[in-house]
């Protein structure tokens, strides 16, 4: 992971953590179900953004490094990792 991106990702994750705590409070306070589900969708969208940034980071650095190395085994490993990750996300 690039050092300059780490604080941005950690900041996003901290905000998501706060959102989840807020949702727990909403459940505890018996808030309206639609309001809770709306907040859950917002958390899911925020997590998707973090996931997208991490994927971009992985491709830009880890995968690009494997391609530049010219090592077919390392290239296959990185490609297999991506395929496995994408298969898991489709479930």
PDB file of N, CA and C in Angstrom:
ATOM      1  N   UNK A   1       0.849  -1.180   0.000  1.00  0.00           N
ATOM      2  CA  UNK A   1       0.000   0.000   0.000  1.00  0.00           C
ATOM      3  C   UNK A   1       0.891   1.239   0.000  1.00  0.00           C
ATOM      4  N   UNK A   2       0.489   2.222  -0.779  1.00  0.00           N
ATOM      5  CA  UNK A   2       1.244   3.468  -0.838  1.00  0.00           C
ATOM      6  C   UNK A   2       1.029   4.255   0.449  1.00  0.00           C
ATOM      7  N   UNK A   3       2.094   4.769   0.977  1.00  0.00           N
ATOM      8  CA  UNK A   3       2.045   5.500   2.238  1.00  0.00           C
ATOM      9  C   UNK A   3       1.083   6.680   2.199  1.00  0.00           C
ATOM     10  N   UNK A   4       1.035   7.375   1.064  1.00  0.00           N
ATOM     11  CA  UNK A   4       0.188   8.578   0.988  1.00  0.00           C
ATOM     12  C   UNK A   4      -1.300   8.229   0.972  1.00  0.00           C
ATOM     13  N   UNK A   5      -1.673   7.034   0.571  1.00  0.00           N
ATOM     14  CA  UNK A   5      -3.077   6.631   0.545  1.00  0.00           C
ATOM     15  C   UNK A   5      -3.561   6.078   1.880  1.00  0.00           C
ATOM     16  N   UNK A   6      -2.660   5.627   2.703  1.00  0.00           N
ATOM     17  CA  UNK A   6      -3.027   4.987   3.960  1.00  0.00           C
ATOM     18  C   UNK A   6      -3.861   5.896   4.877  1.00  0.00           C
ATOM     19  N   UNK A   7      -3.456   7.156   5.123  1.00  0.00           N
ATOM     20  CA  UNK A   7      -4.285   8.003   6.000  1.00  0.00           C
ATOM     21  C   UNK A   7      -5.696   8.213   5.459  1.00  0.00           C
ATOM     22  N   UNK A   8      -5.814   8.346   4.129  1.00  0.00           N
ATOM     23  CA  UNK A   8      -7.138   8.543   3.529  1.00  0.00           C
ATOM     24  C   UNK A   8      -8.029   7.327   3.769  1.00  0.00           C
ATOM     25  N   UNK A   9      -7.467   6.137   3.576  1.00  0.00           N
ATOM     26  CA  UNK A   9      -8.246   4.914   3.795  1.00  0.00           C
ATOM     27  C   UNK A   9      -8.605   4.735   5.269  1.00  0.00           C
ATOM     28  N   UNK A  10      -7.646   5.009   6.143  1.00  0.00           N
ATOM     29  CA  UNK A  10      -7.930   4.889   7.577  1.00  0.00           C
ATOM     30  C   UNK A  10      -8.993   5.887   8.011  1.00  0.00           C
ATOM     31  N   UNK A  11      -8.970   7.091   7.447  1.00  0.00           N
ATOM     32  CA  UNK A  11      -9.986   8.084   7.761  1.00  0.00           C
ATOM     33  C   UNK A  11     -11.368   7.595   7.325  1.00  0.00           C
ATOM     34  N   UNK A  12     -11.443   7.044   6.123  1.00  0.00           N
ATOM     35  CA  UNK A  12     -12.725   6.501   5.650  1.00  0.00           C
ATOM     36  C   UNK A  12     -13.217   5.374   6.554  1.00  0.00           C
ATOM     37  N   UNK A  13     -12.304   4.486   6.924  1.00  0.00           N
ATOM     38  CA  UNK A  13     -12.695   3.362   7.786  1.00  0.00           C
ATOM     39  C   UNK A  13     -13.140   3.843   9.163  1.00  0.00           C
ATOM     40  N   UNK A  14     -12.500   4.877   9.682  1.00  0.00           N
ATOM     41  CA  UNK A  14     -12.926   5.429  10.975  1.00  0.00           C
ATOM     42  C   UNK A  14     -14.316   6.037  10.879  1.00  0.00           C
ATOM     43  N   UNK A  15     -14.605   6.708   9.748  1.00  0.00           N
ATOM     44  CA  UNK A  15     -15.949   7.247   9.554  1.00  0.00           C
ATOM     45  C   UNK A  15     -16.987   6.125   9.465  1.00  0.00           C
ATOM     46  N   UNK A  16     -16.632   5.062   8.777  1.00  0.00           N
ATOM     47  CA  UNK A  16     -17.540   3.916   8.662  1.00  0.00           C
ATOM     48  C   UNK A  16     -17.791   3.313  10.041  1.00  0.00           C
ATOM     49  N   UNK A  17     -16.729   3.195  10.826  1.00  0.00           N
ATOM     50  CA  UNK A  17     -16.879   2.670  12.185  1.00  0.00           C
ATOM     51  C   UNK A  17     -17.868   3.525  12.982  1.00  0.00           C
ATOM     52  N   UNK A  18     -17.764   4.832  12.835  1.00  0.00           N
ATOM     53  CA  UNK A  18     -18.708   5.730  13.517  1.00  0.00           C
ATOM     54  C   UNK A  18     -20.129   5.539  13.013  1.00  0.00           C
ATOM     55  N   UNK A  19     -20.265   5.348  11.707  1.00  0.00           N
ATOM     56  CA  UNK A  19     -21.599   5.105  11.139  1.00  0.00           C
ATOM     57  C   UNK A  19     -22.201   3.830  11.723  1.00  0.00           C
ATOM     58  N   UNK A  20     -21.398   2.783  11.839  1.00  0.00           N
ATOM     59  CA  UNK A  20     -21.903   1.512  12.361  1.00  0.00           C
ATOM     60  C   UNK A  20     -22.313   1.679  13.820  1.00  0.00           C
ATOM     61  N   UNK A  21     -21.526   2.405  14.589  1.00  0.00           N
ATOM     62  CA  UNK A  21     -21.925   2.666  15.981  1.00  0.00           C
ATOM     63  C   UNK A  21     -23.247   3.433  16.025  1.00  0.00           C
ATOM     64  N   UNK A  22     -23.409   4.379  15.100  1.00  0.00           N
ATOM     65  CA  UNK A  22     -24.664   5.124  15.028  1.00  0.00           C
ATOM     66  C   UNK A  22     -25.837   4.224  14.695  1.00  0.00           C
ATOM     67  N   UNK A  23     -25.629   3.279  13.820  1.00  0.00           N
ATOM     68  CA  UNK A  23     -26.696   2.333  13.465  1.00  0.00           C
ATOM     69  C   UNK A  23     -27.062   1.481  14.676  1.00  0.00           C
ATOM     70  N   UNK A  24     -26.061   1.055  15.420  1.00  0.00           N
ATOM     71  CA  UNK A  24     -26.339   0.261  16.629  1.00  0.00           C
ATOM     72  C   UNK A  24     -27.189   1.081  17.604  1.00  0.00           C
ATOM     73  N   UNK A  25     -26.874   2.369  17.728  1.00  0.00           N
ATOM     74  CA  UNK A  25     -27.680   3.236  18.602  1.00  0.00           C
ATOM     75  C   UNK A  25     -29.105   3.339  18.079  1.00  0.00           C
ATOM     76  N   UNK A  26     -29.247   3.451  16.760  1.00  0.00           N
ATOM     77  CA  UNK A  26     -30.585   3.535  16.171  1.00  0.00           C
ATOM     78  C   UNK A  26     -31.395   2.284  16.489  1.00  0.00           C
ATOM     79  N   UNK A  27     -30.768   1.124  16.383  1.00  0.00           N
ATOM     80  CA  UNK A  27     -31.462  -0.132  16.705  1.00  0.00           C
ATOM     81  C   UNK A  27     -31.849  -0.132  18.179  1.00  0.00           C
ATOM     82  N   UNK A  28     -30.903   0.264  19.035  1.00  0.00           N
ATOM     83  CA  UNK A  28     -31.164   0.300  20.475  1.00  0.00           C
ATOM     84  C   UNK A  28     -32.312   1.245  20.818  1.00  0.00           C
ATOM     85  N   UNK A  29     -32.427   2.329  20.057  1.00  0.00           N
ATOM     86  CA  UNK A  29     -33.474   3.327  20.313  1.00  0.00           C
ATOM     87  C   UNK A  29     -34.770   3.029  19.568  1.00  0.00           C
ATOM     88  N   UNK A  30     -34.836   1.850  18.943  1.00  0.00           N
ATOM     89  CA  UNK A  30     -36.034   1.441  18.201  1.00  0.00           C
ATOM     90  C   UNK A  30     -36.439   2.451  17.135  1.00  0.00           C
ATOM     91  N   UNK A  31     -35.455   2.939  16.388  1.00  0.00           N
ATOM     92  CA  UNK A  31     -35.727   3.898  15.314  1.00  0.00           C
ATOM     93  C   UNK A  31     -36.439   3.200  14.159  1.00  0.00           C
ATOM     94  N   UNK A  32     -37.000   3.971  13.287  1.00  0.00           N
ATOM     95  CA  UNK A  32     -37.771   3.499  12.150  1.00  0.00           C
ATOM     96  C   UNK A  32     -36.887   2.620  11.252  1.00  0.00           C
ATOM     97  N   UNK A  33     -37.410   1.449  10.892  1.00  0.00           N
ATOM     98  CA  UNK A  33     -36.641   0.454  10.136  1.00  0.00           C
ATOM     99  C   UNK A  33     -36.055   1.006   8.834  1.00  0.00           C
ATOM    100  N   UNK A  34     -36.835   1.796   8.126  1.00  0.00           N
ATOM    101  CA  UNK A  34     -36.359   2.352   6.856  1.00  0.00           C
ATOM    102  C   UNK A  34     -35.153   3.262   7.088  1.00  0.00           C
ATOM    103  N   UNK A  35     -35.173   4.028   8.160  1.00  0.00           N
ATOM    104  CA  UNK A  35     -34.032   4.898   8.474  1.00  0.00           C
ATOM    105  C   UNK A  35     -32.782   4.072   8.762  1.00  0.00           C
ATOM    106  N   UNK A  36     -32.955   2.979   9.476  1.00  0.00           N
ATOM    107  CA  UNK A  36     -31.813   2.100   9.786  1.00  0.00           C
ATOM    108  C   UNK A  36     -31.276   1.475   8.501  1.00  0.00           C
ATOM    109  N   UNK A  37     -32.174   0.980   7.667  1.00  0.00           N
ATOM    110  CA  UNK A  37     -31.736   0.349   6.421  1.00  0.00           C
ATOM    111  C   UNK A  37     -31.059   1.355   5.491  1.00  0.00           C
ATOM    112  N   UNK A  38     -31.533   2.590   5.508  1.00  0.00           N
ATOM    113  CA  UNK A  38     -30.889   3.639   4.708  1.00  0.00           C
ATOM    114  C   UNK A  38     -29.450   3.835   5.168  1.00  0.00           C
ATOM    115  N   UNK A  39     -29.239   3.841   6.470  1.00  0.00           N
ATOM    116  CA  UNK A  39     -27.882   3.992   7.004  1.00  0.00           C
ATOM    117  C   UNK A  39     -27.025   2.767   6.688  1.00  0.00           C
ATOM    118  N   UNK A  40     -27.634   1.592   6.711  1.00  0.00           N
ATOM    119  CA  UNK A  40     -26.891   0.384   6.336  1.00  0.00           C
ATOM    120  C   UNK A  40     -26.436   0.455   4.881  1.00  0.00           C
ATOM    121  N   UNK A  41     -27.302   0.959   4.017  1.00  0.00           N
ATOM    122  CA  UNK A  41     -26.919   1.113   2.611  1.00  0.00           C
ATOM    123  C   UNK A  41     -25.772   2.112   2.460  1.00  0.00           C
ATOM    124  N   UNK A  42     -25.785   3.160   3.261  1.00  0.00           N
ATOM    125  CA  UNK A  42     -24.702   4.150   3.218  1.00  0.00           C
ATOM    126  C   UNK A  42     -23.384   3.525   3.653  1.00  0.00           C
ATOM    127  N   UNK A  43     -23.424   2.686   4.676  1.00  0.00           N
ATOM    128  CA  UNK A  43     -22.212   1.993   5.135  1.00  0.00           C
ATOM    129  C   UNK A  43     -21.718   1.044   4.054  1.00  0.00           C
ATOM    130  N   UNK A  44     -22.628   0.315   3.439  1.00  0.00           N
ATOM    131  CA  UNK A  44     -22.239  -0.614   2.379  1.00  0.00           C
ATOM    132  C   UNK A  44     -21.573   0.143   1.227  1.00  0.00           C
ATOM    133  N   UNK A  45     -22.131   1.283   0.858  1.00  0.00           N
ATOM    134  CA  UNK A  45     -21.548   2.093  -0.217  1.00  0.00           C
ATOM    135  C   UNK A  45     -20.162   2.608   0.178  1.00  0.00           C
ATOM    136  N   UNK A  46     -20.012   3.023   1.421  1.00  0.00           N
ATOM    137  CA  UNK A  46     -18.717   3.516   1.898  1.00  0.00           C
ATOM    138  C   UNK A  46     -17.678   2.397   1.894  1.00  0.00           C
ATOM    139  N   UNK A  47     -18.070   1.203   2.297  1.00  0.00           N
ATOM    140  CA  UNK A  47     -17.156   0.064   2.269  1.00  0.00           C
ATOM    141  C   UNK A  47     -16.771  -0.288   0.830  1.00  0.00           C
ATOM    142  N   UNK A  48     -17.712  -0.172  -0.080  1.00  0.00           N
ATOM    143  CA  UNK A  48     -17.420  -0.431  -1.482  1.00  0.00           C
ATOM    144  C   UNK A  48     -16.374   0.546  -2.002  1.00  0.00           C
ATOM    145  N   UNK A  49     -16.459   1.807  -1.580  1.00  0.00           N
ATOM    146  CA  UNK A  49     -15.457   2.794  -1.989  1.00  0.00           C
ATOM    147  C   UNK A  49     -14.075   2.415  -1.465  1.00  0.00           C
ATOM    148  N   UNK A  50     -14.010   1.981  -0.208  1.00  0.00           N
ATOM    149  CA  UNK A  50     -12.729   1.562   0.358  1.00  0.00           C
ATOM    150  C   UNK A  50     -12.207   0.353  -0.412  1.00  0.00           C
ATOM    151  N   UNK A  51     -13.074  -0.586  -0.687  1.00  0.00           N
ATOM    152  CA  UNK A  51     -12.681  -1.784  -1.427  1.00  0.00           C
ATOM    153  C   UNK A  51     -12.158  -1.418  -2.819  1.00  0.00           C
ATOM    154  N   UNK A  52     -12.821  -0.487  -3.475  1.00  0.00           N
ATOM    155  CA  UNK A  52     -12.400  -0.049  -4.800  1.00  0.00           C
ATOM    156  C   UNK A  52     -11.020   0.603  -4.746  1.00  0.00           C
ATOM    157  N   UNK A  53     -10.800   1.430  -3.755  1.00  0.00           N
ATOM    158  CA  UNK A  53      -9.496   2.080  -3.615  1.00  0.00           C
ATOM    159  C   UNK A  53      -8.391   1.058  -3.350  1.00  0.00           C
ATOM    160  N   UNK A  54      -8.682   0.083  -2.515  1.00  0.00           N
ATOM    161  CA  UNK A  54      -7.685  -0.955  -2.233  1.00  0.00           C
ATOM    162  C   UNK A  54      -7.410  -1.801  -3.479  1.00  0.00           C
ATOM    163  N   UNK A  55      -8.440  -2.082  -4.243  1.00  0.00           N
ATOM    164  CA  UNK A  55      -8.259  -2.843  -5.478  1.00  0.00           C
ATOM    165  C   UNK A  55      -7.395  -2.055  -6.455  1.00  0.00           C
ATOM    166  N   UNK A  56      -7.692  -0.776  -6.588  1.00  0.00           N
ATOM    167  CA  UNK A  56      -6.900   0.081  -7.479  1.00  0.00           C
ATOM    168  C   UNK A  56      -5.438   0.103  -7.029  1.00  0.00           C
ATOM    169  N   UNK A  57      -5.240   0.239  -5.737  1.00  0.00           N
ATOM    170  CA  UNK A  57      -3.894   0.244  -5.162  1.00  0.00           C
ATOM    171  C   UNK A  57      -3.170  -1.072  -5.474  1.00  0.00           C
ATOM    172  N   UNK A  58      -3.872  -2.167  -5.297  1.00  0.00           N
ATOM    173  CA  UNK A  58      -3.285  -3.484  -5.545  1.00  0.00           C
ATOM    174  C   UNK A  58      -2.883  -3.626  -7.020  1.00  0.00           C
ATOM    175  N   UNK A  59      -3.762  -3.220  -7.905  1.00  0.00           N
ATOM    176  CA  UNK A  59      -3.469  -3.326  -9.335  1.00  0.00           C
ATOM    177  C   UNK A  59      -2.325  -2.384  -9.722  1.00  0.00           C
ATOM    178  N   UNK A  60      -2.378  -1.159  -9.237  1.00  0.00           N
ATOM    179  CA  UNK A  60      -1.365  -0.171  -9.601  1.00  0.00           C
ATOM    180  C   UNK A  60       0.032  -0.531  -9.101  1.00  0.00           C
ATOM    181  N   UNK A  61       0.089  -1.261  -8.003  1.00  0.00           N
ATOM    182  CA  UNK A  61       1.406  -1.519  -7.423  1.00  0.00           C
ATOM    183  C   UNK A  61       1.780  -2.994  -7.430  1.00  0.00           C
ATOM    184  N   UNK A  62       0.987  -3.821  -6.805  1.00  0.00           N
ATOM    185  CA  UNK A  62       1.336  -5.242  -6.684  1.00  0.00           C
ATOM    186  C   UNK A  62       1.289  -5.944  -8.041  1.00  0.00           C
ATOM    187  N   UNK A  63       0.185  -5.759  -8.753  1.00  0.00           N
ATOM    188  CA  UNK A  63       0.043  -6.422 -10.051  1.00  0.00           C
ATOM    189  C   UNK A  63       1.027  -5.815 -11.055  1.00  0.00           C
ATOM    190  N   UNK A  64       1.127  -4.494 -11.072  1.00  0.00           N
ATOM    191  CA  UNK A  64       2.060  -3.846 -11.995  1.00  0.00           C
ATOM    192  C   UNK A  64       3.493  -4.282 -11.717  1.00  0.00           C
ATOM    193  N   UNK A  65       3.844  -4.461 -10.463  1.00  0.00           N
ATOM    194  CA  UNK A  65       5.180  -4.921 -10.099  1.00  0.00           C
ATOM    195  C   UNK A  65       5.429  -6.345 -10.602  1.00  0.00           C
ATOM    196  N   UNK A  66       4.411  -7.192 -10.483  1.00  0.00           N
ATOM    197  CA  UNK A  66       4.551  -8.567 -10.975  1.00  0.00           C
ATOM    198  C   UNK A  66       4.721  -8.585 -12.491  1.00  0.00           C
ATOM    199  N   UNK A  67       3.978  -7.738 -13.189  1.00  0.00           N
ATOM    200  CA  UNK A  67       4.102  -7.669 -14.638  1.00  0.00           C
ATOM    201  C   UNK A  67       5.497  -7.173 -15.024  1.00  0.00           C
ATOM    202  N   UNK A  68       5.957  -6.126 -14.338  1.00  0.00           N
ATOM    203  CA  UNK A  68       7.274  -5.552 -14.644  1.00  0.00           C
ATOM    204  C   UNK A  68       8.414  -6.510 -14.322  1.00  0.00           C
ATOM    205  N   UNK A  69       8.177  -7.408 -13.363  1.00  0.00           N
ATOM    206  CA  UNK A  69       9.237  -8.335 -12.963  1.00  0.00           C
ATOM    207  C   UNK A  69       9.572  -9.328 -14.075  1.00  0.00           C
ATOM    208  N   UNK A  70       8.593  -9.596 -14.935  1.00  0.00           N
ATOM    209  CA  UNK A  70       8.804 -10.570 -15.994  1.00  0.00           C
ATOM    210  C   UNK A  70       8.748 -12.012 -15.510  1.00  0.00           C
ATOM    211  N   UNK A  71       8.450 -12.201 -14.229  1.00  0.00           N
ATOM    212  CA  UNK A  71       8.379 -13.533 -13.624  1.00  0.00           C
ATOM    213  C   UNK A  71       6.990 -14.121 -13.871  1.00  0.00           C
ATOM    214  N   UNK A  72       6.879 -15.126 -14.743  1.00  0.00           N
ATOM    215  CA  UNK A  72       5.562 -15.696 -15.066  1.00  0.00           C
ATOM    216  C   UNK A  72       4.844 -16.276 -13.848  1.00  0.00           C
ATOM    217  N   UNK A  73       5.591 -16.850 -12.921  1.00  0.00           N
ATOM    218  CA  UNK A  73       4.962 -17.425 -11.724  1.00  0.00           C
ATOM    219  C   UNK A  73       4.341 -16.322 -10.858  1.00  0.00           C
ATOM    220  N   UNK A  74       5.056 -15.230 -10.687  1.00  0.00           N
ATOM    221  CA  UNK A  74       4.531 -14.108  -9.896  1.00  0.00           C
ATOM    222  C   UNK A  74       3.334 -13.472 -10.603  1.00  0.00           C
ATOM    223  N   UNK A  75       3.402 -13.371 -11.909  1.00  0.00           N
ATOM    224  CA  UNK A  75       2.288 -12.818 -12.675  1.00  0.00           C
ATOM    225  C   UNK A  75       1.046 -13.690 -12.545  1.00  0.00           C
ATOM    226  N   UNK A  76       1.221 -14.999 -12.635  1.00  0.00           N
ATOM    227  CA  UNK A  76       0.103 -15.935 -12.501  1.00  0.00           C
ATOM    228  C   UNK A  76      -0.491 -15.844 -11.097  1.00  0.00           C
ATOM    229  N   UNK A  77       0.365 -15.733 -10.086  1.00  0.00           N
ATOM    230  CA  UNK A  77      -0.101 -15.635  -8.703  1.00  0.00           C
ATOM    231  C   UNK A  77      -0.987 -14.404  -8.522  1.00  0.00           C
ATOM    232  N   UNK A  78      -0.535 -13.264  -9.025  1.00  0.00           N
ATOM    233  CA  UNK A  78      -1.324 -12.029  -8.882  1.00  0.00           C
ATOM    234  C   UNK A  78      -2.634 -12.131  -9.668  1.00  0.00           C
ATOM    235  N   UNK A  79      -2.599 -12.711 -10.844  1.00  0.00           N
ATOM    236  CA  UNK A  79      -3.820 -12.882 -11.633  1.00  0.00           C
ATOM    237  C   UNK A  79      -4.796 -13.811 -10.911  1.00  0.00           C
ATOM    238  N   UNK A  80      -4.282 -14.896 -10.351  1.00  0.00           N
ATOM    239  CA  UNK A  80      -5.135 -15.834  -9.615  1.00  0.00           C
ATOM    240  C   UNK A  80      -5.760 -15.168  -8.384  1.00  0.00           C
ATOM    241  N   UNK A  81      -4.985 -14.329  -7.708  1.00  0.00           N
ATOM    242  CA  UNK A  81      -5.521 -13.613  -6.546  1.00  0.00           C
ATOM    243  C   UNK A  81      -6.704 -12.738  -6.955  1.00  0.00           C
ATOM    244  N   UNK A  82      -6.557 -12.030  -8.054  1.00  0.00           N
ATOM    245  CA  UNK A  82      -7.636 -11.160  -8.523  1.00  0.00           C
ATOM    246  C   UNK A  82      -8.874 -11.958  -8.912  1.00  0.00           C
ATOM    247  N   UNK A  83      -8.669 -13.069  -9.614  1.00  0.00           N
ATOM    248  CA  UNK A  83      -9.806 -13.906 -10.020  1.00  0.00           C
ATOM    249  C   UNK A  83     -10.531 -14.435  -8.780  1.00  0.00           C
ATOM    250  N   UNK A  84      -9.788 -14.908  -7.813  1.00  0.00           N
ATOM    251  CA  UNK A  84     -10.389 -15.427  -6.575  1.00  0.00           C
ATOM    252  C   UNK A  84     -11.176 -14.340  -5.855  1.00  0.00           C
ATOM    253  N   UNK A  85     -10.600 -13.158  -5.770  1.00  0.00           N
ATOM    254  CA  UNK A  85     -11.282 -12.040  -5.118  1.00  0.00           C
ATOM    255  C   UNK A  85     -12.573 -11.683  -5.841  1.00  0.00           C
ATOM    256  N   UNK A  86     -12.521 -11.611  -7.158  1.00  0.00           N
ATOM    257  CA  UNK A  86     -13.710 -11.287  -7.935  1.00  0.00           C
ATOM    258  C   UNK A  86     -14.787 -12.378  -7.806  1.00  0.00           C
ATOM    259  N   UNK A  87     -14.368 -13.628  -7.770  1.00  0.00           N
ATOM    260  CA  UNK A  87     -15.337 -14.721  -7.577  1.00  0.00           C
ATOM    261  C   UNK A  87     -16.039 -14.593  -6.223  1.00  0.00           C
ATOM    262  N   UNK A  88     -15.287 -14.270  -5.196  1.00  0.00           N
ATOM    263  CA  UNK A  88     -15.886 -14.105  -3.863  1.00  0.00           C
ATOM    264  C   UNK A  88     -16.864 -12.941  -3.835  1.00  0.00           C
ATOM    265  N   UNK A  89     -16.548 -11.875  -4.559  1.00  0.00           N
ATOM    266  CA  UNK A  89     -17.428 -10.702  -4.538  1.00  0.00           C
ATOM    267  C   UNK A  89     -18.714 -10.930  -5.312  1.00  0.00           C
ATOM    268  N   UNK A  90     -18.730 -11.922  -6.205  1.00  0.00           N
ATOM    269  CA  UNK A  90     -19.929 -12.220  -6.992  1.00  0.00           C
ATOM    270  C   UNK A  90     -20.930 -13.082  -6.227  1.00  0.00           C
ATOM    271  N   UNK A  91     -20.552 -13.613  -5.131  1.00  0.00           N
ATOM    272  CA  UNK A  91     -21.459 -14.495  -4.380  1.00  0.00           C
ATOM    273  C   UNK A  91     -22.566 -13.736  -3.729  1.00  0.00           C
TER     274      UNK A  91
END
